[in-house]
Amino acid sequence: MADAPLSSEIYPIWPGKQPGGPPLPDGQRKGTARPTLAVYRPQRPDGRAALVLPGGGYAFVSLTGEGANIGRALGAFGITSFVLDYRLPVDGWGDRADVPLQDAQRAMRLIRFNAGRFGIDPAKLGVIGFSAGGHLAASIVTAYDDAVYAPVGAADKLSARPAFGGLFYPVTTFRIVPPRSQSRRNLLGPNFTAAQIDRYSAIDRVTLRTPPLFLVHAMDDPIIPYWMSTRMLAAARAKAVPSELHLLERGGHGFGAGLSADNPGSLWPRLFALWTARHLKSKETQP
């Protein structure tokens, strides 16, 4: 897939200073100091929406390959996308491990609060994440109620629970670290605690209230092994959480919506659209 144009409709998610500041100064910082939402509106919106969380190992945010391109792919099926340029834990913020989740929770609430402006149904807002963004998505589907920031406005009275979760080649546990994965090191830093491992291992935090999950992983992924997804599926099924996993023979890591047309995995946007439409008809998705 060719690169999709970046959105010109961009909104800050915090009204003033972000929690955990100040970060490293310009020139030393790897990511943004002002997290934003970029809106990708379909030609024929149907009320569904997704908060899109790009990957990057918590060292950068892949705003095109796993952001703008995802917005375009989902827009073809009527889904409005909100790509989050979230803050990076490596940039000197206080409570570094909570920084991405602070932004994701705030984004979910802000989108719901402004559902009328965006032309979406607030009960049909889910999340979709890729790689480290998949870890962040797995965190918000299991830790949507964690009190990680002090309320700053009326939007913060709303639920941050997604109606559904799309997890693509996600990191789902920090108890085992694959040799090439950087997510745990970058999120938690060198002096992490056992409590932080517990909090950010989504596999261990699945409950009956976890929203329906749609997972996609390539079995030849050289960075995040596909057992991260099979174990998340097992955890979801153990709690009777509606869930679906698509394992691809080939695809590697970081494919986003860019698989070639001869790869069955290239059909995932259509499958995801069909799956969300089916589940949003039931009460299982409600915030």
Protein backbone atom coordinates (compact mmCIF):
# COMPACT_ATOMS: atom_id res chain seq x y z
CA MET A 1 0.00 0.00 0.00
CA ALA A 2 1.29 3.47 -0.87
CA ASP A 3 1.72 5.90 1.97
CA ALA A 4 -1.53 7.59 2.88
CA PRO A 5 -1.47 11.38 3.25
CA LEU A 6 -1.21 12.65 6.79
CA SER A 7 -4.40 14.15 8.16
CA SER A 8 -4.84 17.92 8.30
CA GLU A 9 -7.42 17.49 11.09
CA ILE A 10 -5.32 17.24 14.26
CA TYR A 11 -6.29 17.89 17.88
CA PRO A 12 -4.23 18.05 21.09
CA ILE A 13 -5.50 15.67 23.75
CA TRP A 14 -4.46 17.64 26.84
CA PRO A 15 -5.79 21.16 27.51
CA GLY A 16 -2.53 22.36 29.03
CA LYS A 17 0.51 20.64 30.45
CA GLN A 18 0.65 16.88 30.14
CA PRO A 19 0.99 14.77 33.30
CA GLY A 20 4.49 13.68 34.17
CA GLY A 21 6.32 16.71 32.78
CA PRO A 22 8.55 18.28 31.91
CA PRO A 23 10.15 15.99 29.31
CA LEU A 24 13.60 16.16 27.81
CA PRO A 25 14.16 19.35 25.79
CA ASP A 26 13.86 19.60 22.01
CA GLY A 27 16.78 17.97 20.29
CA GLN A 28 17.12 15.30 22.97
CA ARG A 29 13.57 14.02 22.83
CA LYS A 30 12.65 11.16 20.47
CA GLY A 31 8.89 11.72 20.47
CA THR A 32 6.29 14.40 20.83
CA ALA A 33 5.90 16.71 23.82
CA ARG A 34 2.31 17.45 22.78
CA PRO A 35 0.32 14.28 22.01
CA THR A 36 -2.32 14.66 19.33
CA LEU A 37 -5.12 12.86 17.54
CA ALA A 38 -5.17 12.86 13.73
CA VAL A 39 -8.64 12.16 12.34
CA TYR A 40 -9.21 10.07 9.21
CA ARG A 41 -12.82 10.30 8.07
CA PRO A 42 -14.29 7.80 5.61
CA GLN A 43 -16.40 8.92 2.67
CA ARG A 44 -19.33 6.94 4.06
CA PRO A 45 -19.02 6.80 7.86
CA ASP A 46 -21.21 4.26 9.60
CA GLY A 47 -20.68 5.31 13.23
CA ARG A 48 -17.87 2.91 14.02
CA ALA A 49 -14.56 4.36 15.15
CA ALA A 50 -11.13 3.17 16.22
CA LEU A 51 -8.33 4.73 18.21
CA VAL A 52 -5.23 3.71 16.24
CA LEU A 53 -2.02 3.11 18.21
CA PRO A 54 1.03 2.78 15.94
CA GLY A 55 4.06 0.77 16.98
CA GLY A 56 7.73 1.62 17.28
CA GLY A 57 9.05 -0.26 20.29
CA TYR A 58 8.20 2.72 22.53
CA ALA A 59 11.22 4.42 20.88
CA PHE A 60 9.30 6.10 18.03
CA VAL A 61 5.74 6.18 16.68
CA SER A 62 5.11 4.84 13.16
CA LEU A 63 2.59 7.51 12.19
CA THR A 64 2.47 6.62 8.49
CA GLY A 65 2.87 2.84 8.12
CA GLU A 66 0.80 1.97 11.20
CA GLY A 67 -1.14 5.22 11.43
CA ALA A 68 -2.23 7.08 8.30
CA ASN A 69 -2.22 3.91 6.21
CA ILE A 70 -4.43 2.17 8.76
CA GLY A 71 -6.82 5.12 8.72
CA ARG A 72 -7.16 4.80 4.97
CA ALA A 73 -7.61 1.02 5.10
CA LEU A 74 -10.35 1.19 7.75
CA GLY A 75 -12.02 4.16 6.06
CA ALA A 76 -12.81 1.99 3.07
CA PHE A 77 -15.23 0.13 5.35
CA GLY A 78 -16.87 3.15 6.97
CA ILE A 79 -14.73 3.22 10.12
CA THR A 80 -13.50 6.62 11.34
CA SER A 81 -9.93 6.46 12.65
CA PHE A 82 -8.12 8.54 15.24
CA VAL A 83 -4.35 8.08 15.07
CA LEU A 84 -2.66 8.87 18.38
CA ASP A 85 0.80 10.38 18.41
CA TYR A 86 1.46 9.34 21.99
CA ARG A 87 4.36 10.33 24.23
CA LEU A 88 7.35 8.05 24.58
CA PRO A 89 8.52 6.73 27.96
CA VAL A 90 12.16 7.22 26.94
CA ASP A 91 11.74 11.01 26.83
CA GLY A 92 12.21 11.80 30.51
CA TRP A 93 8.59 11.98 31.64
CA GLY A 94 7.76 11.23 35.26
CA ASP A 95 6.10 7.83 35.85
CA ARG A 96 7.46 6.76 32.46
CA ALA A 97 5.61 3.44 32.36
CA ASP A 98 2.22 5.15 32.65
CA VAL A 99 2.80 7.85 30.03
CA PRO A 100 1.51 6.00 26.92
CA LEU A 101 -1.50 4.67 28.83
CA GLN A 102 -2.27 8.17 30.12
CA ASP A 103 -2.45 9.39 26.54
CA ALA A 104 -4.49 6.39 25.33
CA GLN A 105 -7.05 6.66 28.14
CA ARG A 106 -7.38 10.41 27.67
CA ALA A 107 -7.78 9.95 23.89
CA MET A 108 -10.56 7.38 24.33
CA ARG A 109 -12.46 9.70 26.67
CA LEU A 110 -11.94 12.77 24.51
CA ILE A 111 -13.17 11.03 21.36
CA ARG A 112 -16.29 9.84 23.21
CA PHE A 113 -16.89 13.32 24.62
CA ASN A 114 -16.76 14.80 21.11
CA ALA A 115 -18.62 11.98 19.35
CA GLY A 116 -21.19 14.39 17.92
CA ARG A 117 -18.51 16.57 16.33
CA PHE A 118 -16.82 13.54 14.82
CA GLY A 119 -20.04 11.89 13.64
CA ILE A 120 -19.43 8.62 15.48
CA ASP A 121 -21.36 6.46 17.91
CA PRO A 122 -19.53 6.64 21.29
CA ALA A 123 -20.64 3.08 22.03
CA LYS A 124 -18.91 1.89 18.85
CA LEU A 125 -15.45 3.24 19.63
CA GLY A 126 -12.71 0.62 19.86
CA VAL A 127 -8.94 0.48 19.72
CA ILE A 128 -6.45 -1.08 17.29
CA GLY A 129 -2.72 -1.29 17.91
CA PHE A 130 0.43 -2.63 16.27
CA SER A 131 3.54 -4.12 17.93
CA ALA A 132 4.34 -1.79 20.88
CA GLY A 133 1.11 -0.04 19.95
CA GLY A 134 -0.43 -3.51 20.21
CA HIS A 135 0.94 -3.68 23.74
CA LEU A 136 -0.61 -0.29 24.46
CA ALA A 137 -3.91 -1.49 22.97
CA ALA A 138 -3.71 -4.66 25.08
CA SER A 139 -3.05 -2.43 28.09
CA ILE A 140 -6.09 -0.25 27.52
CA VAL A 141 -8.45 -3.19 26.94
CA THR A 142 -7.36 -4.61 30.30
CA ALA A 143 -6.37 -1.45 32.24
CA TYR A 144 -8.96 1.06 31.03
CA ASP A 145 -9.98 1.79 34.63
CA ASP A 146 -6.46 2.21 36.05
CA ALA A 147 -6.15 5.68 37.61
CA VAL A 148 -3.03 6.84 35.76
CA TYR A 149 -3.76 10.58 35.65
CA ALA A 150 -5.78 13.18 37.54
CA PRO A 151 -8.94 14.34 35.69
CA VAL A 152 -8.47 17.57 33.75
CA GLY A 153 -11.91 18.09 32.24
CA ALA A 154 -15.46 16.88 31.73
CA ALA A 155 -14.32 14.22 29.25
CA ASP A 156 -12.53 12.41 32.06
CA LYS A 157 -15.86 11.45 33.63
CA LEU A 158 -16.45 9.07 30.70
CA SER A 159 -15.32 5.47 30.43
CA ALA A 160 -12.06 4.69 28.63
CA ARG A 161 -13.18 1.10 27.96
CA PRO A 162 -12.96 0.28 24.24
CA ALA A 163 -15.90 -1.44 22.59
CA PHE A 164 -13.44 -3.82 20.89
CA GLY A 165 -9.71 -4.38 20.62
CA GLY A 166 -7.64 -5.14 17.54
CA LEU A 167 -4.20 -6.47 18.49
CA PHE A 168 -1.69 -6.85 15.66
CA TYR A 169 1.61 -8.65 16.35
CA PRO A 170 1.29 -7.33 19.91
CA VAL A 171 3.49 -7.61 22.97
CA THR A 172 1.14 -9.14 25.52
CA THR A 173 3.45 -10.05 28.39
CA PHE A 174 6.64 -8.71 29.92
CA ARG A 175 7.39 -11.89 31.83
CA ILE A 176 9.33 -13.21 28.85
CA VAL A 177 11.26 -10.84 26.58
CA PRO A 178 12.09 -11.97 23.03
CA PRO A 179 15.73 -11.19 22.12
CA ARG A 180 14.89 -8.47 19.58
CA SER A 181 12.01 -6.81 21.41
CA GLN A 182 12.68 -3.38 22.94
CA SER A 183 9.25 -2.65 24.37
CA ARG A 184 9.81 -3.71 27.99
CA ARG A 185 13.16 -1.97 28.26
CA ASN A 186 11.86 1.26 26.75
CA LEU A 187 8.58 1.34 28.67
CA LEU A 188 9.76 0.31 32.14
CA GLY A 189 13.42 1.33 32.07
CA PRO A 190 16.26 -0.60 33.70
CA ASN A 191 14.95 -0.53 37.27
CA PHE A 192 11.50 -2.01 36.85
CA THR A 193 9.61 -3.70 39.66
CA ALA A 194 7.67 -6.94 39.86
CA ALA A 195 4.50 -4.87 40.30
CA GLN A 196 5.15 -3.12 36.98
CA ILE A 197 5.62 -6.46 35.23
CA ASP A 198 2.26 -7.54 36.66
CA ARG A 199 0.50 -4.32 35.61
CA TYR A 200 1.77 -4.33 32.05
CA SER A 201 1.41 -8.02 31.23
CA ALA A 202 -2.02 -7.92 29.64
CA ILE A 203 -2.32 -11.70 29.48
CA ASP A 204 -2.63 -11.76 33.27
CA ARG A 205 -5.19 -8.95 33.43
CA VAL A 206 -7.94 -10.29 31.17
CA THR A 207 -11.31 -10.31 32.95
CA LEU A 208 -14.95 -10.93 32.11
CA ARG A 209 -15.18 -7.20 31.28
CA THR A 210 -12.37 -7.25 28.71
CA PRO A 211 -13.93 -6.26 25.36
CA PRO A 212 -13.96 -8.60 22.35
CA LEU A 213 -10.53 -9.13 20.79
CA PHE A 214 -9.37 -9.55 17.19
CA LEU A 215 -5.74 -10.66 16.84
CA VAL A 216 -3.47 -10.97 13.81
CA HIS A 217 0.11 -12.30 13.85
CA ALA A 218 2.53 -13.71 11.29
CA MET A 219 4.21 -16.95 12.32
CA ASP A 220 7.49 -15.81 10.75
CA ASP A 221 7.61 -12.63 12.84
CA PRO A 222 11.29 -12.25 13.81
CA ILE A 223 10.72 -9.73 16.61
CA ILE A 224 7.49 -10.58 18.47
CA PRO A 225 6.82 -14.35 18.42
CA TYR A 226 3.32 -15.42 17.54
CA TRP A 227 2.84 -17.13 20.91
CA MET A 228 2.27 -13.63 22.29
CA SER A 229 -1.04 -13.72 20.42
CA THR A 230 -1.92 -17.38 21.01
CA ARG A 231 -1.47 -16.91 24.76
CA MET A 232 -3.60 -13.77 24.71
CA LEU A 233 -6.27 -15.73 22.89
CA ALA A 234 -6.10 -18.48 25.51
CA ALA A 235 -6.40 -15.91 28.32
CA ALA A 236 -9.41 -14.33 26.63
CA ARG A 237 -11.18 -17.63 26.06
CA ALA A 238 -10.54 -18.66 29.64
CA LYS A 239 -12.61 -15.63 30.70
CA ALA A 240 -15.25 -16.17 28.00
CA VAL A 241 -14.15 -13.00 26.17
CA PRO A 242 -15.26 -13.20 22.52
CA SER A 243 -12.07 -13.44 20.51
CA GLU A 244 -10.66 -14.32 17.12
CA LEU A 245 -7.07 -14.95 16.02
CA HIS A 246 -5.68 -14.97 12.48
CA LEU A 247 -2.24 -16.58 12.15
CA LEU A 248 -0.46 -15.84 8.89
CA GLU A 249 2.11 -18.20 7.41
CA ARG A 250 4.17 -15.21 6.24
CA GLY A 251 4.17 -11.52 6.89
CA GLY A 252 7.10 -10.79 9.17
CA HIS A 253 6.81 -7.87 11.55
CA GLY A 254 5.43 -4.38 11.08
CA PHE A 255 3.31 -5.09 8.02
CA GLY A 256 0.46 -2.79 9.00
CA ALA A 257 -1.89 -2.61 6.02
CA GLY A 258 0.96 -3.13 3.55
CA LEU A 259 0.92 -6.85 2.79
CA SER A 260 0.96 -7.73 -0.90
CA ALA A 261 -2.31 -8.72 -2.56
CA ASP A 262 -1.16 -12.34 -2.92
CA ASN A 263 -0.85 -12.69 0.88
CA PRO A 264 -4.11 -13.79 2.53
CA GLY A 265 -3.25 -11.47 5.40
CA SER A 266 -3.85 -8.49 3.13
CA LEU A 267 -7.57 -9.13 3.65
CA TRP A 268 -7.45 -8.30 7.36
CA PRO A 269 -9.13 -4.85 7.04
CA ARG A 270 -12.21 -6.45 5.52
CA LEU A 271 -12.21 -9.27 8.07
CA PHE A 272 -11.80 -6.74 10.89
CA ALA A 273 -14.67 -4.66 9.53
CA LEU A 274 -16.96 -7.70 9.33
CA TRP A 275 -15.94 -8.83 12.82
CA THR A 276 -16.52 -5.44 14.46
CA ALA A 277 -19.88 -5.03 12.75
CA ARG A 278 -21.01 -8.38 14.10
CA HIS A 279 -19.86 -7.76 17.67
CA LEU A 280 -21.15 -4.20 17.88
CA LYS A 281 -24.68 -5.54 17.52
CA SER A 282 -24.43 -7.20 20.95
CA LYS A 283 -24.24 -5.90 24.51
CA GLU A 284 -20.80 -7.43 25.06
CA THR A 285 -19.11 -4.33 23.65
CA GLN A 286 -20.85 -1.66 25.71
CA PRO A 287 -18.62 0.66 27.82
